[in-house]
């Protein structure tokens, strides 16, 4: 089974920035929030959001899953 991408370019960049920021704050404040930031950051790396998938949502231009 192949994971189909469902995150567009702008969504991907925002997730990377927000995820990195939350990771940094997690390290700075020594909390578990860094883990949440890591999950957000990984969705940008793989261009796939598991929350979008069941609803067939996509922020990517063109066909869903292309």
C-alpha atoms as a PDB file:
ATOM      1  CA  UNK A   1       0.000   0.000   0.000  1.00  0.00           C
ATOM      2  CA  UNK A   2       1.356   3.389  -0.980  1.00  0.00           C
ATOM      3  CA  UNK A   3       0.785   6.440   1.149  1.00  0.00           C
ATOM      4  CA  UNK A   4      -0.786   9.149  -1.026  1.00  0.00           C
ATOM      5  CA  UNK A   5       0.206  12.741  -0.411  1.00  0.00           C
ATOM      6  CA  UNK A   6      -2.534  15.136   0.685  1.00  0.00           C
ATOM      7  CA  UNK A   7      -0.620  18.211   1.854  1.00  0.00           C
ATOM      8  CA  UNK A   8       0.082  21.131  -0.464  1.00  0.00           C
ATOM      9  CA  UNK A   9       3.163  23.328  -0.592  1.00  0.00           C
ATOM     10  CA  UNK A  10       1.941  26.161   1.676  1.00  0.00           C
ATOM     11  CA  UNK A  11       0.417  23.724   4.198  1.00  0.00           C
ATOM     12  CA  UNK A  12       3.686  21.783   4.215  1.00  0.00           C
ATOM     13  CA  UNK A  13       5.811  24.876   4.870  1.00  0.00           C
ATOM     14  CA  UNK A  14       3.512  26.062   7.673  1.00  0.00           C
ATOM     15  CA  UNK A  15       3.557  22.638   9.327  1.00  0.00           C
ATOM     16  CA  UNK A  16       7.358  22.532   9.156  1.00  0.00           C
ATOM     17  CA  UNK A  17       7.704  25.981  10.741  1.00  0.00           C
ATOM     18  CA  UNK A  18       5.082  25.404  13.438  1.00  0.00           C
ATOM     19  CA  UNK A  19       6.406  21.918  14.174  1.00  0.00           C
ATOM     20  CA  UNK A  20       9.991  23.139  14.490  1.00  0.00           C
ATOM     21  CA  UNK A  21       8.851  25.977  16.751  1.00  0.00           C
ATOM     22  CA  UNK A  22       6.942  23.628  19.041  1.00  0.00           C
ATOM     23  CA  UNK A  23       9.913  21.226  19.130  1.00  0.00           C
ATOM     24  CA  UNK A  24      12.175  24.112  20.128  1.00  0.00           C
ATOM     25  CA  UNK A  25       9.778  25.249  22.840  1.00  0.00           C
ATOM     26  CA  UNK A  26       9.508  21.681  24.096  1.00  0.00           C
ATOM     27  CA  UNK A  27      13.280  21.503  24.493  1.00  0.00           C
ATOM     28  CA  UNK A  28      13.510  24.965  26.026  1.00  0.00           C
ATOM     29  CA  UNK A  29      10.770  24.376  28.600  1.00  0.00           C
ATOM     30  CA  UNK A  30      11.663  20.681  28.976  1.00  0.00           C
ATOM     31  CA  UNK A  31       8.121  19.452  28.303  1.00  0.00           C
ATOM     32  CA  UNK A  32       6.498  16.770  26.185  1.00  0.00           C
ATOM     33  CA  UNK A  33       5.214  19.392  23.739  1.00  0.00           C
ATOM     34  CA  UNK A  34       8.285  18.666  21.639  1.00  0.00           C
ATOM     35  CA  UNK A  35       6.732  15.309  20.785  1.00  0.00           C
ATOM     36  CA  UNK A  36       3.603  17.038  19.459  1.00  0.00           C
ATOM     37  CA  UNK A  37       5.816  19.317  17.394  1.00  0.00           C
ATOM     38  CA  UNK A  38       7.653  16.268  16.077  1.00  0.00           C
ATOM     39  CA  UNK A  39       4.411  14.730  14.842  1.00  0.00           C
ATOM     40  CA  UNK A  40       3.419  17.976  13.126  1.00  0.00           C
ATOM     41  CA  UNK A  41       6.881  18.262  11.577  1.00  0.00           C
ATOM     42  CA  UNK A  42       6.799  14.657  10.311  1.00  0.00           C
ATOM     43  CA  UNK A  43       3.495  15.277   8.525  1.00  0.00           C
ATOM     44  CA  UNK A  44       5.305  17.980   6.547  1.00  0.00           C
ATOM     45  CA  UNK A  45       8.244  15.690   5.778  1.00  0.00           C
ATOM     46  CA  UNK A  46       5.995  12.933   4.384  1.00  0.00           C
ATOM     47  CA  UNK A  47       3.394  15.331   2.868  1.00  0.00           C
ATOM     48  CA  UNK A  48       0.686  13.184   4.421  1.00  0.00           C
ATOM     49  CA  UNK A  49      -1.816  14.043   7.142  1.00  0.00           C
ATOM     50  CA  UNK A  50      -3.586  11.007   8.621  1.00  0.00           C
ATOM     51  CA  UNK A  51      -6.458  13.225   9.810  1.00  0.00           C
ATOM     52  CA  UNK A  52      -7.155  14.382   6.237  1.00  0.00           C
ATOM     53  CA  UNK A  53      -7.212  10.837   4.812  1.00  0.00           C
ATOM     54  CA  UNK A  54     -10.563   9.471   6.147  1.00  0.00           C
ATOM     55  CA  UNK A  55     -12.361  12.617   4.985  1.00  0.00           C
ATOM     56  CA  UNK A  56     -10.620  12.610   1.575  1.00  0.00           C
ATOM     57  CA  UNK A  57      -9.409  16.180   2.203  1.00  0.00           C
ATOM     58  CA  UNK A  58      -6.388  17.626   0.480  1.00  0.00           C
ATOM     59  CA  UNK A  59      -4.644  20.983   0.381  1.00  0.00           C
ATOM     60  CA  UNK A  60      -2.631  19.843  -2.608  1.00  0.00           C
ATOM     61  CA  UNK A  61      -3.554  21.331  -5.968  1.00  0.00           C
ATOM     62  CA  UNK A  62      -4.861  18.906  -8.537  1.00  0.00           C
ATOM     63  CA  UNK A  63      -6.278  15.455  -7.921  1.00  0.00           C
ATOM     64  CA  UNK A  64      -6.451  13.955  -4.436  1.00  0.00           C
ATOM     65  CA  UNK A  65      -3.604  11.528  -3.856  1.00  0.00           C
ATOM     66  CA  UNK A  66      -1.628  12.566  -6.923  1.00  0.00           C
END
